[in-house]
């Protein structure tokens, strides 16, 4: 869900780095606080690092709850080298026989390498002798994107490893070289998605539909590219790998059967996307449906081109399963910017710039202005290469659209 990743950047930001001070400044601040507010100097000068999780104010463009991860105090780094926080989560109420309470993330940018387990890395730079004097937001958590062993109000444990940045490969390979410290913090939070240990026939049904709709997208341009087929197969493998041993067989069998069935149906022109979407319209969680659209968009982008019919189908699918069209536009932008610039022709201009054919002319004009402002700002931040060329292609398409609807 790369669209959500953009929201995360807005919430998390980078201001945390500007709230770091040296220990000398802390001593002065602690003395002043002791005089003006009372308490002991020892308490006010505490080096102990602390964490807390707090719900953030709602965002108009994002309908899920977002929680901030805040830090305060000193990580106690004494070497002049850049360091990184590695955050992981586990369910404290789950036992080892329940998989140890591991938490799965549906955001690819917030998973451990070659895994679907939640992991977020925050580079801190050089922290020698430095600390956070006040509560500073360092990351975010979005419950809608997390899957634990069980749903509902759960007691989670945050594990924060502090590691030298140049030695992160040791962390992922299970070696200790480069490790500095580990901090833990317990908190309660509501996980809205069905747990991976709970019998969730609805999730499996949405996953089967995801495969069927992805096959439809792959064939939307009249043929199946190897890269598109491999994208679907990799997605299935990731889902199966993340399932617990007791559920792997049924998950693998069900998804492979859906893949085989949908191939036969699409070749016989019998695959009906409306029937598939109707089947899952009122079941499954929001995150499962985001996963479905992410897969369809990845298949669309797999061959390096954005086909008009593929984009049109994805738009129709999002409406039929009840996902906000604006969220699809954000997810789509992340793929389009990485495609072959030559594929961004005027063919399918409405689909590529996110114009809903049901909009009136006034809304279309407002959308064009908003998109032009967004892509124009993005152009200046992208490095030379395909992404920058694509941003310019999007501006050209928007200029054409502005003429068309003026």
Protein backbone atom coordinates (compact mmCIF):
# COMPACT_ATOMS: atom_id res chain seq x y z
CA UNK A 1 0.00 0.00 0.00
CA UNK A 2 2.32 2.65 -1.20
CA UNK A 3 -0.44 5.24 -1.04
CA UNK A 4 -0.50 4.79 2.73
CA UNK A 5 3.29 5.18 2.76
CA UNK A 6 2.83 8.79 1.55
CA UNK A 7 0.51 9.46 4.48
CA UNK A 8 3.12 7.98 6.81
CA UNK A 9 5.75 10.40 5.54
CA UNK A 10 3.41 13.31 6.24
CA UNK A 11 2.71 12.12 9.78
CA UNK A 12 6.16 10.88 10.73
CA UNK A 13 8.12 13.55 8.91
CA UNK A 14 11.74 14.17 9.62
CA UNK A 15 11.40 16.81 12.30
CA UNK A 16 12.47 14.27 14.90
CA UNK A 17 16.09 14.92 13.97
CA UNK A 18 15.78 18.60 14.85
CA UNK A 19 14.69 17.77 18.39
CA UNK A 20 17.95 16.02 19.33
CA UNK A 21 20.36 17.77 21.69
CA UNK A 22 23.68 16.98 23.31
CA UNK A 23 23.99 15.79 26.92
CA UNK A 24 25.53 19.09 28.01
CA UNK A 25 22.45 20.97 26.93
CA UNK A 26 20.35 18.43 28.79
CA UNK A 27 22.14 19.10 32.06
CA UNK A 28 21.46 22.83 31.73
CA UNK A 29 17.82 22.18 30.84
CA UNK A 30 17.42 19.75 33.75
CA UNK A 31 18.81 22.29 36.22
CA UNK A 32 16.45 24.98 34.96
CA UNK A 33 13.49 22.61 35.14
CA UNK A 34 14.40 21.63 38.71
CA UNK A 35 14.40 25.30 39.75
CA UNK A 36 11.22 26.35 37.92
CA UNK A 37 9.08 23.21 38.15
CA UNK A 38 10.43 21.31 41.13
CA UNK A 39 11.44 17.67 41.33
CA UNK A 40 14.96 16.33 41.67
CA UNK A 41 17.81 17.02 39.29
CA UNK A 42 18.30 13.26 38.93
CA UNK A 43 14.72 12.77 37.75
CA UNK A 44 14.85 15.64 35.30
CA UNK A 45 18.22 14.50 33.94
CA UNK A 46 17.20 10.85 33.56
CA UNK A 47 19.06 9.15 30.71
CA UNK A 48 16.49 6.39 30.49
CA UNK A 49 14.99 6.12 27.04
CA UNK A 50 11.20 5.92 26.91
CA UNK A 51 8.58 5.15 24.28
CA UNK A 52 4.87 5.81 24.05
CA UNK A 53 2.11 5.18 21.48
CA UNK A 54 -0.57 7.85 20.98
CA UNK A 55 -3.42 8.23 18.52
CA UNK A 56 -2.83 11.08 16.07
CA UNK A 57 -5.45 13.59 14.90
CA UNK A 58 -7.56 12.35 11.96
CA UNK A 59 -6.47 13.12 8.40
CA UNK A 60 -9.19 14.15 5.94
CA UNK A 61 -7.56 12.27 3.06
CA UNK A 62 -7.01 9.07 5.05
CA UNK A 63 -9.83 7.22 6.77
CA UNK A 64 -7.84 4.81 8.98
CA UNK A 65 -6.70 5.48 12.54
CA UNK A 66 -3.01 6.38 12.79
CA UNK A 67 -0.91 6.15 15.96
CA UNK A 68 2.37 7.94 16.54
CA UNK A 69 5.39 6.23 18.06
CA UNK A 70 7.14 8.74 20.30
CA UNK A 71 10.58 8.57 21.92
CA UNK A 72 12.22 10.52 24.73
CA UNK A 73 15.57 10.27 26.48
CA UNK A 74 19.02 9.01 25.55
CA UNK A 75 19.84 5.91 23.49
CA UNK A 76 23.27 6.01 25.18
CA UNK A 77 25.45 5.92 22.06
CA UNK A 78 29.16 6.51 22.72
CA UNK A 79 30.68 5.93 19.27
CA UNK A 80 30.80 8.46 16.42
CA UNK A 81 28.95 6.36 13.80
CA UNK A 82 25.44 6.51 12.26
CA UNK A 83 22.85 4.31 13.97
CA UNK A 84 19.41 2.92 13.11
CA UNK A 85 16.37 1.92 15.15
CA UNK A 86 14.78 -1.38 14.05
CA UNK A 87 11.21 -1.69 15.30
CA UNK A 88 9.28 -4.95 15.51
CA UNK A 89 6.01 -5.94 17.19
CA UNK A 90 4.66 -9.05 18.85
CA UNK A 91 1.47 -10.00 20.68
CA UNK A 92 2.31 -10.49 24.38
CA UNK A 93 -0.85 -12.50 24.99
CA UNK A 94 -0.08 -15.13 22.36
CA UNK A 95 1.93 -18.20 23.29
CA UNK A 96 4.77 -19.88 21.43
CA UNK A 97 2.40 -22.54 20.14
CA UNK A 98 0.42 -19.69 18.56
CA UNK A 99 3.43 -18.66 16.51
CA UNK A 100 4.98 -16.51 19.21
CA UNK A 101 2.59 -13.63 18.61
CA UNK A 102 4.35 -12.29 15.53
CA UNK A 103 2.68 -9.35 13.79
CA UNK A 104 2.32 -9.28 10.00
CA UNK A 105 2.36 -6.04 8.00
CA UNK A 106 0.48 -5.58 4.74
CA UNK A 107 2.74 -2.66 3.80
CA UNK A 108 5.75 -3.90 1.84
CA UNK A 109 7.82 -0.91 3.03
CA UNK A 110 7.18 -1.98 6.62
CA UNK A 111 8.22 -5.62 6.47
CA UNK A 112 11.43 -7.46 7.26
CA UNK A 113 13.54 -8.53 4.23
CA UNK A 114 11.98 -11.52 2.42
CA UNK A 115 9.19 -11.66 4.98
CA UNK A 116 5.71 -10.30 5.70
CA UNK A 117 6.51 -9.69 9.39
CA UNK A 118 6.23 -6.09 10.57
CA UNK A 119 9.52 -4.21 10.69
CA UNK A 120 10.26 -0.51 10.43
CA UNK A 121 13.76 0.95 10.28
CA UNK A 122 14.44 4.55 11.24
CA UNK A 123 17.88 6.00 10.45
CA UNK A 124 19.03 8.37 13.19
CA UNK A 125 22.45 9.46 11.94
CA UNK A 126 25.22 10.10 14.45
CA UNK A 127 23.75 9.91 17.98
CA UNK A 128 27.00 10.01 19.98
CA UNK A 129 26.22 11.86 23.22
CA UNK A 130 22.83 12.99 21.94
CA UNK A 131 19.29 12.51 23.20
CA UNK A 132 15.65 13.57 22.76
CA UNK A 133 14.83 16.19 25.44
CA UNK A 134 11.07 16.04 24.77
CA UNK A 135 8.65 13.53 23.35
CA UNK A 136 9.43 13.32 19.63
CA UNK A 137 7.49 11.37 17.00
CA UNK A 138 9.77 8.90 15.27
CA UNK A 139 7.39 6.55 13.43
CA UNK A 140 3.73 5.63 12.97
CA UNK A 141 1.53 2.55 13.35
CA UNK A 142 -1.64 1.94 11.33
CA UNK A 143 -3.73 -0.87 12.87
CA UNK A 144 -5.63 -1.39 9.60
CA UNK A 145 -2.36 -2.58 8.02
CA UNK A 146 -1.43 -5.01 10.82
CA UNK A 147 -2.45 -8.65 11.26
CA UNK A 148 -1.77 -10.41 14.54
CA UNK A 149 -2.66 -13.92 15.69
CA UNK A 150 -6.04 -12.62 16.94
CA UNK A 151 -8.19 -9.56 16.34
CA UNK A 152 -9.55 -7.15 18.95
CA UNK A 153 -7.92 -5.28 21.82
CA UNK A 154 -4.47 -6.79 22.24
CA UNK A 155 -1.42 -6.16 24.42
CA UNK A 156 1.53 -5.70 22.08
CA UNK A 157 5.23 -5.37 22.77
CA UNK A 158 7.37 -2.96 20.79
CA UNK A 159 10.93 -4.18 20.38
CA UNK A 160 13.40 -1.48 19.38
CA UNK A 161 16.87 -2.65 18.40
CA UNK A 162 19.55 0.03 18.18
CA UNK A 163 22.12 -0.98 15.55
CA UNK A 164 25.04 0.58 13.74
CA UNK A 165 23.67 1.46 10.30
CA UNK A 166 26.60 -0.02 8.38
CA UNK A 167 26.05 -3.41 10.03
CA UNK A 168 22.30 -3.90 9.48
CA UNK A 169 22.97 -6.98 7.34
CA UNK A 170 24.24 -8.69 10.50
CA UNK A 171 20.89 -8.07 12.21
CA UNK A 172 18.94 -9.71 9.39
CA UNK A 173 21.34 -12.66 9.21
CA UNK A 174 21.06 -13.26 12.96
CA UNK A 175 24.58 -12.11 13.84
CA UNK A 176 25.28 -9.80 16.76
CA UNK A 177 27.99 -7.62 15.19
CA UNK A 178 26.85 -4.01 15.16
CA UNK A 179 24.20 -4.37 17.86
CA UNK A 180 24.15 -1.66 20.54
CA UNK A 181 21.05 -2.23 22.66
CA UNK A 182 17.43 -3.39 22.64
CA UNK A 183 14.54 -1.53 24.26
CA UNK A 184 11.01 -2.80 24.89
CA UNK A 185 7.68 -1.10 25.45
CA UNK A 186 4.25 -2.64 26.06
CA UNK A 187 1.00 -1.02 24.97
CA UNK A 188 -2.60 -1.91 24.14
CA UNK A 189 -4.18 -1.36 20.73
CA UNK A 190 -7.17 -2.61 18.77
CA UNK A 191 -6.33 -4.81 15.79
CA UNK A 192 -9.39 -4.70 13.48
CA UNK A 193 -8.32 -7.45 11.06
CA UNK A 194 -9.08 -11.11 11.65
CA UNK A 195 -6.04 -12.86 13.11
CA UNK A 196 -4.02 -15.36 11.14
CA UNK A 197 -4.80 -18.03 13.78
CA UNK A 198 -8.52 -17.43 13.55
CA UNK A 199 -10.58 -19.33 11.05
CA UNK A 200 -11.09 -16.62 8.45
CA UNK A 201 -12.94 -17.96 5.46
CA UNK A 202 -13.71 -14.40 4.38
CA UNK A 203 -10.03 -13.49 4.00
CA UNK A 204 -9.33 -16.61 1.96
CA UNK A 205 -12.32 -15.81 -0.24
CA UNK A 206 -10.95 -12.29 -0.89
CA UNK A 207 -7.51 -13.74 -1.62
CA UNK A 208 -9.01 -16.18 -4.15
CA UNK A 209 -10.85 -13.28 -5.77
CA UNK A 210 -7.57 -11.32 -5.81
CA UNK A 211 -5.95 -14.02 -7.94
CA UNK A 212 -8.92 -14.22 -10.31
CA UNK A 213 -9.09 -10.45 -10.80
CA UNK A 214 -5.31 -10.21 -11.24
CA UNK A 215 -5.54 -12.75 -14.07
CA UNK A 216 -8.27 -10.64 -15.66
CA UNK A 217 -6.02 -7.57 -15.48
CA UNK A 218 -3.11 -9.52 -16.96
CA UNK A 219 -5.22 -10.47 -19.99
CA UNK A 220 -6.88 -7.05 -20.33
CA UNK A 221 -4.49 -6.06 -23.14
CA UNK A 222 -5.17 -9.32 -24.97
CA UNK A 223 -2.15 -11.32 -23.86
CA UNK A 224 -0.33 -12.55 -20.75
CA UNK A 225 3.22 -11.32 -20.30
CA UNK A 226 5.62 -13.61 -18.38
CA UNK A 227 6.32 -10.82 -15.90
CA UNK A 228 2.59 -10.51 -15.16
CA UNK A 229 2.22 -14.24 -14.53
CA UNK A 230 5.30 -14.25 -12.30
CA UNK A 231 3.92 -11.32 -10.30
CA UNK A 232 0.76 -13.31 -9.51
CA UNK A 233 2.71 -16.45 -8.64
CA UNK A 234 5.04 -14.50 -6.30
CA UNK A 235 2.04 -12.96 -4.57
CA UNK A 236 0.54 -16.41 -3.98
CA UNK A 237 3.88 -17.69 -2.65
CA UNK A 238 4.15 -14.76 -0.22
CA UNK A 239 0.62 -15.41 1.08
CA UNK A 240 1.33 -19.13 1.55
CA UNK A 241 4.71 -18.49 3.18
CA UNK A 242 3.13 -16.13 5.72
CA UNK A 243 0.45 -18.67 6.69
CA UNK A 244 0.99 -20.88 9.72
CA UNK A 245 1.85 -24.55 9.08
CA UNK A 246 -1.69 -25.71 9.84
CA UNK A 247 -3.09 -23.34 7.20
CA UNK A 248 -0.44 -23.53 4.49
CA UNK A 249 -1.88 -26.51 2.62
CA UNK A 250 -5.44 -25.25 2.35
CA UNK A 251 -4.23 -21.75 1.43
CA UNK A 252 -1.87 -23.07 -1.25
CA UNK A 253 -4.45 -25.44 -2.70
CA UNK A 254 -7.18 -22.79 -2.76
CA UNK A 255 -5.08 -20.06 -4.40
CA UNK A 256 -3.49 -22.38 -6.96
CA UNK A 257 -6.95 -23.72 -7.84
CA UNK A 258 -8.19 -20.15 -8.33
CA UNK A 259 -5.20 -19.40 -10.56
CA UNK A 260 -5.82 -22.45 -12.74
CA UNK A 261 -9.58 -21.85 -12.91
CA UNK A 262 -9.24 -18.17 -13.81
CA UNK A 263 -6.70 -18.92 -16.58
CA UNK A 264 -9.18 -21.32 -18.18
CA UNK A 265 -12.10 -18.91 -17.74
CA UNK A 266 -10.32 -15.89 -19.20
CA UNK A 267 -9.14 -17.87 -22.21
CA UNK A 268 -12.70 -19.07 -22.78
CA UNK A 269 -13.95 -15.50 -22.19
CA UNK A 270 -16.00 -16.70 -19.23
CA UNK A 271 -14.32 -14.72 -16.44
CA UNK A 272 -16.85 -12.21 -15.09
CA UNK A 273 -15.27 -9.52 -12.89
CA UNK A 274 -18.67 -8.23 -11.78
CA UNK A 275 -19.66 -11.59 -10.34
CA UNK A 276 -16.27 -11.93 -8.58
CA UNK A 277 -16.52 -8.44 -7.06
CA UNK A 278 -20.12 -9.00 -5.99
CA UNK A 279 -18.96 -12.13 -4.16
CA UNK A 280 -16.59 -10.15 -1.90
CA UNK A 281 -18.29 -6.75 -1.82
CA UNK A 282 -19.56 -7.13 1.74
CA UNK A 283 -16.96 -9.48 3.21
CA UNK A 284 -13.30 -9.23 4.16
CA UNK A 285 -11.43 -6.36 5.76
CA UNK A 286 -10.31 -3.07 4.28
CA UNK A 287 -6.70 -4.23 4.31
CA UNK A 288 -7.57 -7.40 2.35
CA UNK A 289 -9.18 -5.29 -0.36
CA UNK A 290 -6.24 -2.91 -0.47
CA UNK A 291 -4.04 -5.98 -0.94
CA UNK A 292 -6.29 -7.06 -3.82
CA UNK A 293 -5.90 -3.71 -5.59
CA UNK A 294 -2.16 -3.60 -4.89
CA UNK A 295 -1.82 -6.97 -6.65
CA UNK A 296 -3.87 -5.76 -9.64
CA UNK A 297 -1.74 -2.60 -9.90
CA UNK A 298 1.49 -4.61 -9.62
CA UNK A 299 0.29 -6.85 -12.46
CA UNK A 300 -0.60 -3.78 -14.50
CA UNK A 301 2.92 -2.38 -14.01
CA UNK A 302 4.78 -5.69 -14.38
CA UNK A 303 5.39 -5.36 -18.14
CA UNK A 304 6.58 -1.77 -17.80
CA UNK A 305 3.55 -0.28 -19.54
CA UNK A 306 0.21 1.14 -18.42
CA UNK A 307 -2.48 -0.23 -20.71
CA UNK A 308 -5.74 1.74 -21.01
CA UNK A 309 -7.94 -1.32 -20.53
CA UNK A 310 -5.96 -2.48 -17.47
CA UNK A 311 -6.33 0.91 -15.79
CA UNK A 312 -10.03 1.02 -16.63
CA UNK A 313 -10.63 -2.43 -15.14
CA UNK A 314 -8.81 -1.55 -11.90
CA UNK A 315 -10.92 1.58 -11.52
CA UNK A 316 -14.12 -0.43 -12.02
CA UNK A 317 -12.97 -3.14 -9.59
CA UNK A 318 -12.24 -0.58 -6.86
CA UNK A 319 -15.77 0.79 -7.13
CA UNK A 320 -17.40 -2.63 -7.12
CA UNK A 321 -15.58 -3.76 -3.95
CA UNK A 322 -16.15 -0.44 -2.17
CA UNK A 323 -12.64 1.05 -2.03
CA UNK A 324 -12.33 4.86 -2.17
CA UNK A 325 -11.35 5.93 -5.70
CA UNK A 326 -8.97 8.56 -4.31
CA UNK A 327 -6.96 5.81 -2.61
CA UNK A 328 -6.67 3.98 -5.94
CA UNK A 329 -5.31 7.15 -7.57
CA UNK A 330 -2.58 7.38 -4.92
CA UNK A 331 -1.61 3.73 -5.32
CA UNK A 332 -1.67 4.06 -9.11
CA UNK A 333 0.63 7.10 -9.10
CA UNK A 334 3.33 5.07 -7.35
CA UNK A 335 3.34 2.57 -10.24
CA UNK A 336 3.02 5.04 -13.12
CA UNK A 337 6.07 6.99 -12.03
CA UNK A 338 8.22 3.85 -12.46
CA UNK A 339 6.94 2.77 -15.89
CA UNK A 340 8.41 3.22 -19.36
CA UNK A 341 7.86 6.94 -20.14
CA UNK A 342 6.97 6.08 -23.75
CA UNK A 343 3.89 4.20 -22.50
CA UNK A 344 2.37 7.43 -21.13
CA UNK A 345 0.81 8.47 -24.43
CA UNK A 346 -2.46 10.37 -24.82
CA UNK A 347 -4.25 7.02 -25.20
CA UNK A 348 -6.24 6.47 -22.03
CA UNK A 349 -5.49 9.95 -20.71
CA UNK A 350 -8.47 9.95 -18.33
CA UNK A 351 -7.46 6.62 -16.80
CA UNK A 352 -3.84 7.64 -16.36
CA UNK A 353 -4.50 10.94 -14.62
CA UNK A 354 -7.33 9.53 -12.52
CA UNK A 355 -10.44 11.16 -14.00
CA UNK A 356 -13.62 9.32 -13.06
CA UNK A 357 -15.97 9.31 -16.07
CA UNK A 358 -18.88 9.93 -13.69
CA UNK A 359 -17.48 13.30 -12.55
CA UNK A 360 -18.99 16.55 -13.80
CA UNK A 361 -16.84 19.05 -15.68
CA UNK A 362 -16.22 21.27 -12.65
CA UNK A 363 -14.85 18.39 -10.59
CA UNK A 364 -12.68 17.25 -13.49
CA UNK A 365 -11.15 20.73 -13.80
CA UNK A 366 -10.41 20.86 -10.05
CA UNK A 367 -8.81 17.42 -10.23
CA UNK A 368 -6.59 18.44 -13.15
CA UNK A 369 -5.37 21.54 -11.28
CA UNK A 370 -4.71 19.53 -8.11
CA UNK A 371 -2.84 16.78 -10.00
CA UNK A 372 -0.77 19.30 -11.95
CA UNK A 373 0.31 20.98 -8.72
CA UNK A 374 1.18 17.60 -7.17
CA UNK A 375 3.24 16.31 -10.12
CA UNK A 376 4.93 19.67 -10.67
CA UNK A 377 6.13 19.64 -7.07
CA UNK A 378 7.20 16.01 -7.36
CA UNK A 379 9.20 16.70 -10.55
CA UNK A 380 11.69 18.86 -8.67
CA UNK A 381 12.36 16.21 -6.02
CA UNK A 382 12.92 13.18 -8.26
CA UNK A 383 16.39 12.20 -9.49
CA UNK A 384 17.26 12.12 -13.18
CA UNK A 385 15.98 8.99 -14.88
CA UNK A 386 12.75 7.09 -15.50
CA UNK A 387 10.84 8.45 -12.51
CA UNK A 388 11.60 12.07 -13.38
CA UNK A 389 10.77 11.44 -17.06
CA UNK A 390 7.46 9.90 -16.03
CA UNK A 391 6.62 12.87 -13.82
CA UNK A 392 7.20 15.13 -16.83
CA UNK A 393 5.03 12.82 -18.98
CA UNK A 394 2.24 13.13 -16.41
CA UNK A 395 2.52 16.93 -16.56
CA UNK A 396 2.26 16.75 -20.35
CA UNK A 397 -0.85 14.56 -20.07
CA UNK A 398 -2.39 16.98 -17.57
CA UNK A 399 -1.66 19.91 -19.89
CA UNK A 400 -3.48 18.05 -22.68
CA UNK A 401 -6.37 17.32 -20.36
CA UNK A 402 -6.56 20.98 -19.34
CA UNK A 403 -6.92 21.95 -23.00
CA UNK A 404 -9.51 19.23 -23.58
CA UNK A 405 -11.72 20.32 -20.68
CA UNK A 406 -11.19 24.10 -20.89
